Amino acid sequence: MPYSPPSRARSGPRRRTLLASLAGATALLTGCASGAGPAERAASAATRARARAARDSAELLARYDAVLDAHPALADRLSPLRAAVAAHRDAFGGTPDAKATKSATAQQSPSPVPSASADRKEALTSLASAERTVADRRAAALLEVPGELARLMASVAAAGAAHAYLLTEATK
């Protein structure tokens, strides 16, 4: 005769089962009470990601302007990159408001904006670093945004990585 372990003859569910059910019901009720379904939360995340991307592009644009102000001789090299960053800002819904760009840069810059006293190589290195930082941030955000916005962010992140490469090569 095979051995069978002693059974715990209890009627009703175990305590763990009850606690897990209670936790699940609480989470379900909390989600329903907030009124935001998955589609609404995704749209909200996309709106935030788009706004952040526009802000990042505006900050980069201010950095390009600061470098160009400090080093006008770099205009031929930096103007096409700056124009692309302006197009990225516009694609994400940013506005070409110079005051908003400068105040956003002052508040949330990834690193200090190059000053007029910075030498040319330091200014280009700082600009390349800022491009790389923003491109990395955009690449990381790809998993959190829906299809069309993800494609736009991927494209702009690739462009930012290319800008960083070109800026790095310019310092050699």
N, C-alpha and C. Protein backbone atom coordinates (compact mmCIF):
# COMPACT_ATOMS: atom_id res chain seq x y z
N MET A 1 0.82 -1.15 0.00
CA MET A 1 0.00 0.00 0.00
C MET A 1 0.89 1.25 0.00
N PRO A 2 0.63 2.20 -0.89
CA PRO A 2 1.45 3.39 -0.96
C PRO A 2 1.21 4.30 0.23
N TYR A 3 2.26 4.99 0.58
CA TYR A 3 2.20 5.91 1.71
C TYR A 3 1.58 7.22 1.27
N SER A 4 0.64 7.70 2.01
CA SER A 4 0.08 9.02 1.74
C SER A 4 0.24 9.86 3.00
N PRO A 5 0.68 11.11 2.80
CA PRO A 5 0.90 11.97 3.97
C PRO A 5 -0.43 12.28 4.65
N PRO A 6 -0.33 12.54 5.93
CA PRO A 6 -1.57 12.86 6.65
C PRO A 6 -2.20 14.12 6.06
N SER A 7 -3.46 14.09 5.93
CA SER A 7 -4.13 15.25 5.33
C SER A 7 -4.59 16.19 6.43
N ARG A 8 -4.57 17.42 6.06
CA ARG A 8 -5.09 18.43 6.97
C ARG A 8 -6.54 18.65 6.57
N ALA A 9 -7.34 18.10 7.28
CA ALA A 9 -8.75 18.20 6.94
C ALA A 9 -9.30 19.50 7.50
N ARG A 10 -9.27 20.50 6.68
CA ARG A 10 -9.84 21.79 7.04
C ARG A 10 -10.94 22.10 6.05
N SER A 11 -11.90 22.70 6.56
CA SER A 11 -12.93 23.13 5.64
C SER A 11 -12.67 24.59 5.30
N GLY A 12 -12.84 24.96 4.06
CA GLY A 12 -12.66 26.35 3.64
C GLY A 12 -11.25 26.63 3.17
N PRO A 13 -11.04 27.82 2.63
CA PRO A 13 -9.74 28.19 2.08
C PRO A 13 -8.72 28.49 3.18
N ARG A 14 -7.47 28.38 2.80
CA ARG A 14 -6.39 28.70 3.73
C ARG A 14 -6.22 30.20 3.87
N ARG A 15 -5.50 30.60 4.89
CA ARG A 15 -5.29 32.01 5.18
C ARG A 15 -4.53 32.70 4.04
N ARG A 16 -3.50 32.06 3.48
CA ARG A 16 -2.75 32.66 2.39
C ARG A 16 -3.63 32.92 1.18
N THR A 17 -4.49 31.99 0.88
CA THR A 17 -5.39 32.15 -0.25
C THR A 17 -6.31 33.33 -0.02
N LEU A 18 -6.81 33.46 1.19
CA LEU A 18 -7.68 34.59 1.50
C LEU A 18 -6.94 35.92 1.39
N LEU A 19 -5.71 35.97 1.91
CA LEU A 19 -4.93 37.20 1.84
C LEU A 19 -4.60 37.57 0.41
N ALA A 20 -4.22 36.58 -0.41
CA ALA A 20 -3.91 36.85 -1.81
C ALA A 20 -5.15 37.35 -2.54
N SER A 21 -6.29 36.75 -2.27
CA SER A 21 -7.53 37.19 -2.90
C SER A 21 -7.88 38.61 -2.49
N LEU A 22 -7.69 38.91 -1.21
CA LEU A 22 -7.98 40.24 -0.71
C LEU A 22 -7.06 41.28 -1.37
N ALA A 23 -5.77 40.94 -1.51
CA ALA A 23 -4.82 41.86 -2.13
C ALA A 23 -5.20 42.10 -3.59
N GLY A 24 -5.57 41.05 -4.29
CA GLY A 24 -5.99 41.19 -5.68
C GLY A 24 -7.23 42.03 -5.83
N ALA A 25 -8.20 41.82 -4.95
CA ALA A 25 -9.44 42.60 -5.01
C ALA A 25 -9.16 44.07 -4.71
N THR A 26 -8.27 44.33 -3.76
CA THR A 26 -7.92 45.71 -3.42
C THR A 26 -7.28 46.40 -4.62
N ALA A 27 -6.35 45.71 -5.27
CA ALA A 27 -5.69 46.29 -6.45
C ALA A 27 -6.70 46.54 -7.56
N LEU A 28 -7.61 45.62 -7.76
CA LEU A 28 -8.63 45.78 -8.79
C LEU A 28 -9.53 46.96 -8.48
N LEU A 29 -9.97 47.08 -7.24
CA LEU A 29 -10.83 48.19 -6.87
C LEU A 29 -10.11 49.52 -6.96
N THR A 30 -8.85 49.55 -6.58
CA THR A 30 -8.08 50.78 -6.67
C THR A 30 -7.93 51.21 -8.11
N GLY A 31 -7.65 50.26 -8.99
CA GLY A 31 -7.53 50.58 -10.41
C GLY A 31 -8.84 51.09 -10.98
N CYS A 32 -9.93 50.51 -10.59
CA CYS A 32 -11.24 50.95 -11.10
C CYS A 32 -11.61 52.31 -10.54
N ALA A 33 -11.26 52.56 -9.31
CA ALA A 33 -11.64 53.82 -8.67
C ALA A 33 -10.90 55.00 -9.28
N SER A 34 -9.70 54.78 -9.80
CA SER A 34 -8.94 55.89 -10.35
C SER A 34 -9.55 56.41 -11.64
N GLY A 35 -10.36 55.59 -12.31
CA GLY A 35 -11.02 56.04 -13.53
C GLY A 35 -10.13 56.01 -14.75
N ALA A 36 -8.88 55.68 -14.61
CA ALA A 36 -7.96 55.66 -15.74
C ALA A 36 -7.73 54.23 -16.19
N GLY A 37 -8.18 53.95 -17.38
CA GLY A 37 -7.95 52.63 -17.94
C GLY A 37 -6.58 52.54 -18.56
N PRO A 38 -6.20 51.36 -19.04
CA PRO A 38 -4.88 51.19 -19.65
C PRO A 38 -4.64 52.14 -20.83
N ALA A 39 -5.66 52.37 -21.65
CA ALA A 39 -5.49 53.27 -22.79
C ALA A 39 -5.24 54.70 -22.34
N GLU A 40 -5.96 55.13 -21.29
CA GLU A 40 -5.77 56.49 -20.78
C GLU A 40 -4.39 56.66 -20.14
N ARG A 41 -3.94 55.63 -19.41
CA ARG A 41 -2.61 55.70 -18.80
C ARG A 41 -1.54 55.73 -19.88
N ALA A 42 -1.70 54.95 -20.95
CA ALA A 42 -0.73 54.94 -22.04
C ALA A 42 -0.69 56.29 -22.74
N ALA A 43 -1.85 56.88 -22.96
CA ALA A 43 -1.91 58.20 -23.60
C ALA A 43 -1.23 59.24 -22.73
N SER A 44 -1.45 59.15 -21.43
CA SER A 44 -0.82 60.09 -20.51
C SER A 44 0.70 59.92 -20.51
N ALA A 45 1.16 58.68 -20.53
CA ALA A 45 2.61 58.41 -20.58
C ALA A 45 3.19 58.94 -21.88
N ALA A 46 2.48 58.77 -22.97
CA ALA A 46 2.96 59.26 -24.26
C ALA A 46 3.03 60.78 -24.27
N THR A 47 2.04 61.43 -23.68
CA THR A 47 2.03 62.88 -23.60
C THR A 47 3.21 63.39 -22.79
N ARG A 48 3.46 62.74 -21.67
CA ARG A 48 4.61 63.13 -20.83
C ARG A 48 5.92 62.90 -21.57
N ALA A 49 6.05 61.76 -22.25
CA ALA A 49 7.29 61.45 -22.98
C ALA A 49 7.51 62.44 -24.11
N ARG A 50 6.44 62.80 -24.81
CA ARG A 50 6.55 63.77 -25.91
C ARG A 50 6.98 65.13 -25.37
N ALA A 51 6.39 65.55 -24.26
CA ALA A 51 6.75 66.84 -23.65
C ALA A 51 8.20 66.83 -23.19
N ARG A 52 8.63 65.73 -22.60
CA ARG A 52 10.02 65.63 -22.14
C ARG A 52 10.98 65.68 -23.33
N ALA A 53 10.63 65.00 -24.42
CA ALA A 53 11.47 65.01 -25.61
C ALA A 53 11.56 66.41 -26.22
N ALA A 54 10.44 67.13 -26.24
CA ALA A 54 10.45 68.50 -26.76
C ALA A 54 11.31 69.40 -25.87
N ARG A 55 11.19 69.21 -24.56
CA ARG A 55 12.00 70.00 -23.61
C ARG A 55 13.49 69.69 -23.78
N ASP A 56 13.82 68.40 -23.93
CA ASP A 56 15.22 68.02 -24.14
C ASP A 56 15.78 68.66 -25.41
N SER A 57 14.98 68.65 -26.47
CA SER A 57 15.44 69.27 -27.72
C SER A 57 15.61 70.78 -27.56
N ALA A 58 14.71 71.41 -26.82
CA ALA A 58 14.84 72.85 -26.57
C ALA A 58 16.11 73.15 -25.77
N GLU A 59 16.41 72.30 -24.81
CA GLU A 59 17.63 72.47 -24.03
C GLU A 59 18.87 72.29 -24.90
N LEU A 60 18.85 71.28 -25.77
CA LEU A 60 19.98 71.08 -26.68
C LEU A 60 20.15 72.28 -27.60
N LEU A 61 19.04 72.80 -28.07
CA LEU A 61 19.08 73.96 -28.96
C LEU A 61 19.74 75.15 -28.24
N ALA A 62 19.40 75.34 -26.98
CA ALA A 62 20.02 76.43 -26.20
C ALA A 62 21.52 76.18 -26.04
N ARG A 63 21.91 74.93 -25.91
CA ARG A 63 23.34 74.61 -25.80
C ARG A 63 24.06 74.94 -27.10
N TYR A 64 23.44 74.55 -28.22
CA TYR A 64 24.04 74.89 -29.52
C TYR A 64 24.19 76.40 -29.65
N ASP A 65 23.15 77.13 -29.26
CA ASP A 65 23.21 78.59 -29.35
C ASP A 65 24.33 79.17 -28.49
N ALA A 66 24.50 78.62 -27.30
CA ALA A 66 25.56 79.10 -26.41
C ALA A 66 26.94 78.85 -27.01
N VAL A 67 27.12 77.68 -27.59
CA VAL A 67 28.42 77.36 -28.21
C VAL A 67 28.64 78.26 -29.42
N LEU A 68 27.60 78.45 -30.22
CA LEU A 68 27.75 79.31 -31.40
C LEU A 68 28.00 80.77 -31.01
N ASP A 69 27.39 81.22 -29.91
CA ASP A 69 27.66 82.58 -29.43
C ASP A 69 29.11 82.71 -28.98
N ALA A 70 29.62 81.69 -28.31
CA ALA A 70 30.99 81.73 -27.80
C ALA A 70 32.03 81.48 -28.89
N HIS A 71 31.65 80.71 -29.90
CA HIS A 71 32.60 80.33 -30.95
C HIS A 71 31.95 80.45 -32.33
N PRO A 72 31.80 81.67 -32.83
CA PRO A 72 31.14 81.88 -34.12
C PRO A 72 31.84 81.15 -35.28
N ALA A 73 33.12 80.86 -35.14
CA ALA A 73 33.85 80.16 -36.20
C ALA A 73 33.33 78.74 -36.42
N LEU A 74 32.59 78.20 -35.46
CA LEU A 74 32.03 76.84 -35.59
C LEU A 74 30.69 76.81 -36.32
N ALA A 75 30.22 77.96 -36.78
CA ALA A 75 28.89 78.04 -37.40
C ALA A 75 28.72 77.08 -38.57
N ASP A 76 29.72 76.99 -39.43
CA ASP A 76 29.58 76.09 -40.59
C ASP A 76 29.41 74.64 -40.16
N ARG A 77 30.12 74.25 -39.12
CA ARG A 77 30.07 72.87 -38.64
C ARG A 77 28.82 72.59 -37.82
N LEU A 78 28.38 73.54 -36.99
CA LEU A 78 27.28 73.29 -36.06
C LEU A 78 25.90 73.65 -36.59
N SER A 79 25.81 74.54 -37.56
CA SER A 79 24.50 74.99 -38.05
C SER A 79 23.62 73.84 -38.55
N PRO A 80 24.13 72.89 -39.32
CA PRO A 80 23.26 71.79 -39.75
C PRO A 80 22.76 70.93 -38.58
N LEU A 81 23.62 70.71 -37.58
CA LEU A 81 23.22 69.93 -36.41
C LEU A 81 22.19 70.69 -35.61
N ARG A 82 22.39 72.00 -35.46
CA ARG A 82 21.44 72.83 -34.73
C ARG A 82 20.09 72.83 -35.42
N ALA A 83 20.10 72.92 -36.75
CA ALA A 83 18.84 72.91 -37.51
C ALA A 83 18.09 71.59 -37.29
N ALA A 84 18.82 70.48 -37.24
CA ALA A 84 18.19 69.18 -37.00
C ALA A 84 17.58 69.13 -35.60
N VAL A 85 18.27 69.67 -34.62
CA VAL A 85 17.74 69.69 -33.24
C VAL A 85 16.48 70.54 -33.18
N ALA A 86 16.45 71.67 -33.90
CA ALA A 86 15.25 72.50 -33.95
C ALA A 86 14.10 71.73 -34.59
N ALA A 87 14.39 70.96 -35.64
CA ALA A 87 13.35 70.14 -36.28
C ALA A 87 12.85 69.06 -35.33
N HIS A 88 13.74 68.50 -34.52
CA HIS A 88 13.33 67.48 -33.53
C HIS A 88 12.40 68.10 -32.50
N ARG A 89 12.76 69.27 -32.03
CA ARG A 89 11.90 69.97 -31.05
C ARG A 89 10.51 70.18 -31.64
N ASP A 90 10.46 70.63 -32.88
CA ASP A 90 9.17 70.89 -33.53
C ASP A 90 8.39 69.59 -33.73
N ALA A 91 9.08 68.50 -34.07
CA ALA A 91 8.42 67.21 -34.28
C ALA A 91 7.78 66.69 -33.01
N PHE A 92 8.36 67.02 -31.88
CA PHE A 92 7.80 66.58 -30.59
C PHE A 92 6.76 67.57 -30.06
N GLY A 93 6.50 68.62 -30.80
CA GLY A 93 5.47 69.56 -30.39
C GLY A 93 5.99 70.73 -29.60
N GLY A 94 7.31 70.92 -29.60
CA GLY A 94 7.89 72.07 -28.91
C GLY A 94 7.64 73.34 -29.68
N THR A 95 7.85 74.46 -29.04
CA THR A 95 7.64 75.75 -29.69
C THR A 95 8.95 76.50 -29.79
N PRO A 96 9.10 77.30 -30.80
CA PRO A 96 10.34 78.05 -30.98
C PRO A 96 10.43 79.30 -30.11
N ASP A 97 9.88 79.27 -28.91
CA ASP A 97 9.90 80.40 -27.99
C ASP A 97 11.27 80.47 -27.31
N ALA A 98 12.04 81.48 -27.63
CA ALA A 98 13.40 81.60 -27.10
C ALA A 98 13.42 81.76 -25.59
N LYS A 99 12.47 82.50 -25.02
CA LYS A 99 12.44 82.69 -23.56
C LYS A 99 12.18 81.38 -22.84
N ALA A 100 11.24 80.59 -23.35
CA ALA A 100 10.94 79.30 -22.72
C ALA A 100 12.14 78.37 -22.81
N THR A 101 12.83 78.41 -23.94
CA THR A 101 14.01 77.57 -24.12
C THR A 101 15.09 77.92 -23.11
N LYS A 102 15.35 79.21 -22.95
CA LYS A 102 16.41 79.62 -22.02
C LYS A 102 16.04 79.32 -20.58
N SER A 103 14.78 79.51 -20.18
CA SER A 103 14.41 79.21 -18.80
C SER A 103 14.40 77.72 -18.54
N ALA A 104 13.98 76.92 -19.52
CA ALA A 104 14.01 75.46 -19.35
C ALA A 104 15.44 74.99 -19.21
N THR A 105 16.34 75.58 -19.98
CA THR A 105 17.74 75.18 -19.91
C THR A 105 18.32 75.54 -18.56
N ALA A 106 17.99 76.69 -18.06
CA ALA A 106 18.51 77.11 -16.76
C ALA A 106 18.03 76.19 -15.65
N GLN A 107 16.82 75.64 -15.78
CA GLN A 107 16.26 74.83 -14.72
C GLN A 107 16.66 73.36 -14.79
N GLN A 108 16.75 72.77 -16.00
CA GLN A 108 16.85 71.33 -16.10
C GLN A 108 17.98 70.83 -16.99
N SER A 109 19.02 71.58 -17.19
CA SER A 109 20.09 71.16 -18.07
C SER A 109 20.77 69.90 -17.55
N PRO A 110 21.08 68.92 -18.44
CA PRO A 110 21.81 67.74 -18.00
C PRO A 110 23.19 68.10 -17.45
N SER A 111 23.82 69.13 -17.98
CA SER A 111 25.08 69.64 -17.48
C SER A 111 25.15 71.12 -17.83
N PRO A 112 26.06 71.85 -17.22
CA PRO A 112 26.06 73.29 -17.43
C PRO A 112 26.21 73.67 -18.91
N VAL A 113 25.53 74.74 -19.31
CA VAL A 113 25.66 75.24 -20.67
C VAL A 113 27.05 75.85 -20.79
N PRO A 114 27.76 75.54 -21.89
CA PRO A 114 29.11 76.09 -22.05
C PRO A 114 29.09 77.61 -22.02
N SER A 115 30.05 78.19 -21.36
CA SER A 115 30.11 79.64 -21.27
C SER A 115 31.03 80.18 -22.35
N ALA A 116 31.03 81.50 -22.49
CA ALA A 116 31.88 82.14 -23.49
C ALA A 116 33.36 81.94 -23.18
N SER A 117 33.68 81.64 -21.93
CA SER A 117 35.09 81.46 -21.56
C SER A 117 35.59 80.05 -21.86
N ALA A 118 34.68 79.12 -22.15
CA ALA A 118 35.10 77.74 -22.44
C ALA A 118 35.86 77.71 -23.75
N ASP A 119 36.90 76.87 -23.80
CA ASP A 119 37.61 76.78 -25.07
C ASP A 119 36.81 75.93 -26.06
N ARG A 120 37.19 75.98 -27.29
CA ARG A 120 36.44 75.35 -28.38
C ARG A 120 36.30 73.85 -28.17
N LYS A 121 37.37 73.19 -27.81
CA LYS A 121 37.33 71.73 -27.63
C LYS A 121 36.41 71.35 -26.47
N GLU A 122 36.48 72.09 -25.36
CA GLU A 122 35.61 71.83 -24.21
C GLU A 122 34.14 72.05 -24.58
N ALA A 123 33.87 73.09 -25.36
CA ALA A 123 32.50 73.39 -25.77
C ALA A 123 31.94 72.26 -26.63
N LEU A 124 32.72 71.77 -27.58
CA LEU A 124 32.28 70.67 -28.45
C LEU A 124 32.11 69.38 -27.66
N THR A 125 33.03 69.13 -26.72
CA THR A 125 32.93 67.93 -25.89
C THR A 125 31.68 67.97 -25.02
N SER A 126 31.39 69.13 -24.46
CA SER A 126 30.19 69.29 -23.64
C SER A 126 28.93 69.11 -24.48
N LEU A 127 28.93 69.64 -25.68
CA LEU A 127 27.79 69.50 -26.57
C LEU A 127 27.59 68.04 -26.97
N ALA A 128 28.68 67.34 -27.26
CA ALA A 128 28.61 65.91 -27.61
C ALA A 128 28.07 65.11 -26.42
N SER A 129 28.51 65.44 -25.24
CA SER A 129 28.03 64.74 -24.04
C SER A 129 26.53 64.96 -23.84
N ALA A 130 26.07 66.18 -24.05
CA ALA A 130 24.65 66.48 -23.91
C ALA A 130 23.84 65.72 -24.95
N GLU A 131 24.33 65.66 -26.18
CA GLU A 131 23.64 64.90 -27.24
C GLU A 131 23.55 63.43 -26.86
N ARG A 132 24.64 62.88 -26.35
CA ARG A 132 24.67 61.46 -25.96
C ARG A 132 23.69 61.19 -24.82
N THR A 133 23.67 62.06 -23.83
CA THR A 133 22.77 61.91 -22.69
C THR A 133 21.32 61.90 -23.13
N VAL A 134 20.95 62.83 -23.98
CA VAL A 134 19.57 62.92 -24.45
C VAL A 134 19.23 61.72 -25.34
N ALA A 135 20.16 61.32 -26.20
CA ALA A 135 19.91 60.16 -27.06
C ALA A 135 19.70 58.90 -26.22
N ASP A 136 20.49 58.74 -25.17
CA ASP A 136 20.33 57.58 -24.28
C ASP A 136 18.99 57.63 -23.55
N ARG A 137 18.59 58.80 -23.10
CA ARG A 137 17.31 58.96 -22.40
C ARG A 137 16.16 58.60 -23.34
N ARG A 138 16.25 59.04 -24.58
CA ARG A 138 15.19 58.73 -25.55
C ARG A 138 15.15 57.25 -25.88
N ALA A 139 16.30 56.64 -26.02
CA ALA A 139 16.34 55.20 -26.30
C ALA A 139 15.74 54.41 -25.14
N ALA A 140 15.99 54.84 -23.93
CA ALA A 140 15.44 54.15 -22.76
C ALA A 140 13.93 54.30 -22.68
N ALA A 141 13.40 55.40 -23.18
CA ALA A 141 11.96 55.66 -23.10
C ALA A 141 11.17 54.91 -24.17
N LEU A 142 11.84 54.27 -25.12
CA LEU A 142 11.14 53.62 -26.23
C LEU A 142 10.14 52.56 -25.78
N LEU A 143 10.44 51.86 -24.72
CA LEU A 143 9.56 50.79 -24.26
C LEU A 143 8.29 51.30 -23.59
N GLU A 144 8.26 52.58 -23.27
CA GLU A 144 7.13 53.14 -22.54
C GLU A 144 6.15 53.90 -23.40
N VAL A 145 6.44 54.04 -24.70
CA VAL A 145 5.57 54.85 -25.56
C VAL A 145 4.99 54.00 -26.68
N PRO A 146 3.84 54.43 -27.21
CA PRO A 146 3.20 53.67 -28.28
C PRO A 146 3.95 53.80 -29.61
N GLY A 147 3.56 52.97 -30.56
CA GLY A 147 4.22 52.78 -31.85
C GLY A 147 4.76 53.99 -32.57
N GLU A 148 3.90 54.91 -32.99
CA GLU A 148 4.37 56.03 -33.81
C GLU A 148 5.34 56.93 -33.05
N LEU A 149 5.06 57.19 -31.80
CA LEU A 149 5.95 58.00 -30.98
C LEU A 149 7.27 57.26 -30.75
N ALA A 150 7.20 55.95 -30.57
CA ALA A 150 8.42 55.16 -30.39
C ALA A 150 9.30 55.23 -31.63
N ARG A 151 8.68 55.16 -32.81
CA ARG A 151 9.46 55.27 -34.05
C ARG A 151 10.12 56.64 -34.16
N LEU A 152 9.37 57.68 -33.83
CA LEU A 152 9.94 59.03 -33.87
C LEU A 152 11.09 59.16 -32.88
N MET A 153 10.88 58.68 -31.66
CA MET A 153 11.93 58.78 -30.64
C MET A 153 13.16 57.97 -31.03
N ALA A 154 12.96 56.80 -31.64
CA ALA A 154 14.10 55.98 -32.07
C ALA A 154 14.89 56.70 -33.15
N SER A 155 14.19 57.30 -34.08
CA SER A 155 14.85 58.04 -35.15
C SER A 155 15.64 59.23 -34.61
N VAL A 156 15.02 59.97 -33.71
CA VAL A 156 15.68 61.14 -33.15
C VAL A 156 16.84 60.73 -32.23
N ALA A 157 16.68 59.62 -31.51
CA ALA A 157 17.79 59.12 -30.68
C ALA A 157 18.97 58.72 -31.56
N ALA A 158 18.69 58.09 -32.70
CA ALA A 158 19.77 57.73 -33.63
C ALA A 158 20.46 58.98 -34.19
N ALA A 159 19.66 59.99 -34.50
CA ALA A 159 20.23 61.25 -34.99
C ALA A 159 21.10 61.89 -33.91
N GLY A 160 20.63 61.85 -32.67
CA GLY A 160 21.42 62.41 -31.57
C GLY A 160 22.74 61.68 -31.37
N ALA A 161 22.70 60.35 -31.51
CA ALA A 161 23.95 59.57 -31.40
C ALA A 161 24.90 59.94 -32.54
N ALA A 162 24.35 60.15 -33.73
CA ALA A 162 25.19 60.58 -34.86
C ALA A 162 25.77 61.97 -34.61
N HIS A 163 24.96 62.86 -34.05
CA HIS A 163 25.46 64.20 -33.71
C HIS A 163 26.61 64.10 -32.71
N ALA A 164 26.43 63.27 -31.70
CA ALA A 164 27.49 63.10 -30.70
C ALA A 164 28.77 62.60 -31.34
N TYR A 165 28.64 61.65 -32.25
CA TYR A 165 29.81 61.14 -32.97
C TYR A 165 30.49 62.25 -33.77
N LEU A 166 29.69 63.01 -34.53
CA LEU A 166 30.26 64.07 -35.35
C LEU A 166 30.92 65.15 -34.50
N LEU A 167 30.32 65.48 -33.37
CA LEU A 167 30.91 66.46 -32.47
C LEU A 167 32.19 65.95 -31.85
N THR A 168 32.22 64.66 -31.54
CA THR A 168 33.44 64.06 -30.97
C THR A 168 34.56 64.05 -32.01
N GLU A 169 34.21 63.73 -33.24
CA GLU A 169 35.20 63.74 -34.31
C GLU A 169 35.73 65.15 -34.58
N ALA A 170 34.89 66.15 -34.36
CA ALA A 170 35.29 67.53 -34.60
C ALA A 170 36.35 67.98 -33.59
N THR A 171 36.40 67.33 -32.44
CA THR A 171 37.37 67.74 -31.42
C THR A 171 38.73 67.10 -31.64
N LYS A 172 38.82 66.16 -32.54
CA LYS A 172 40.11 65.47 -32.77
C LYS A 172 41.01 66.27 -33.67
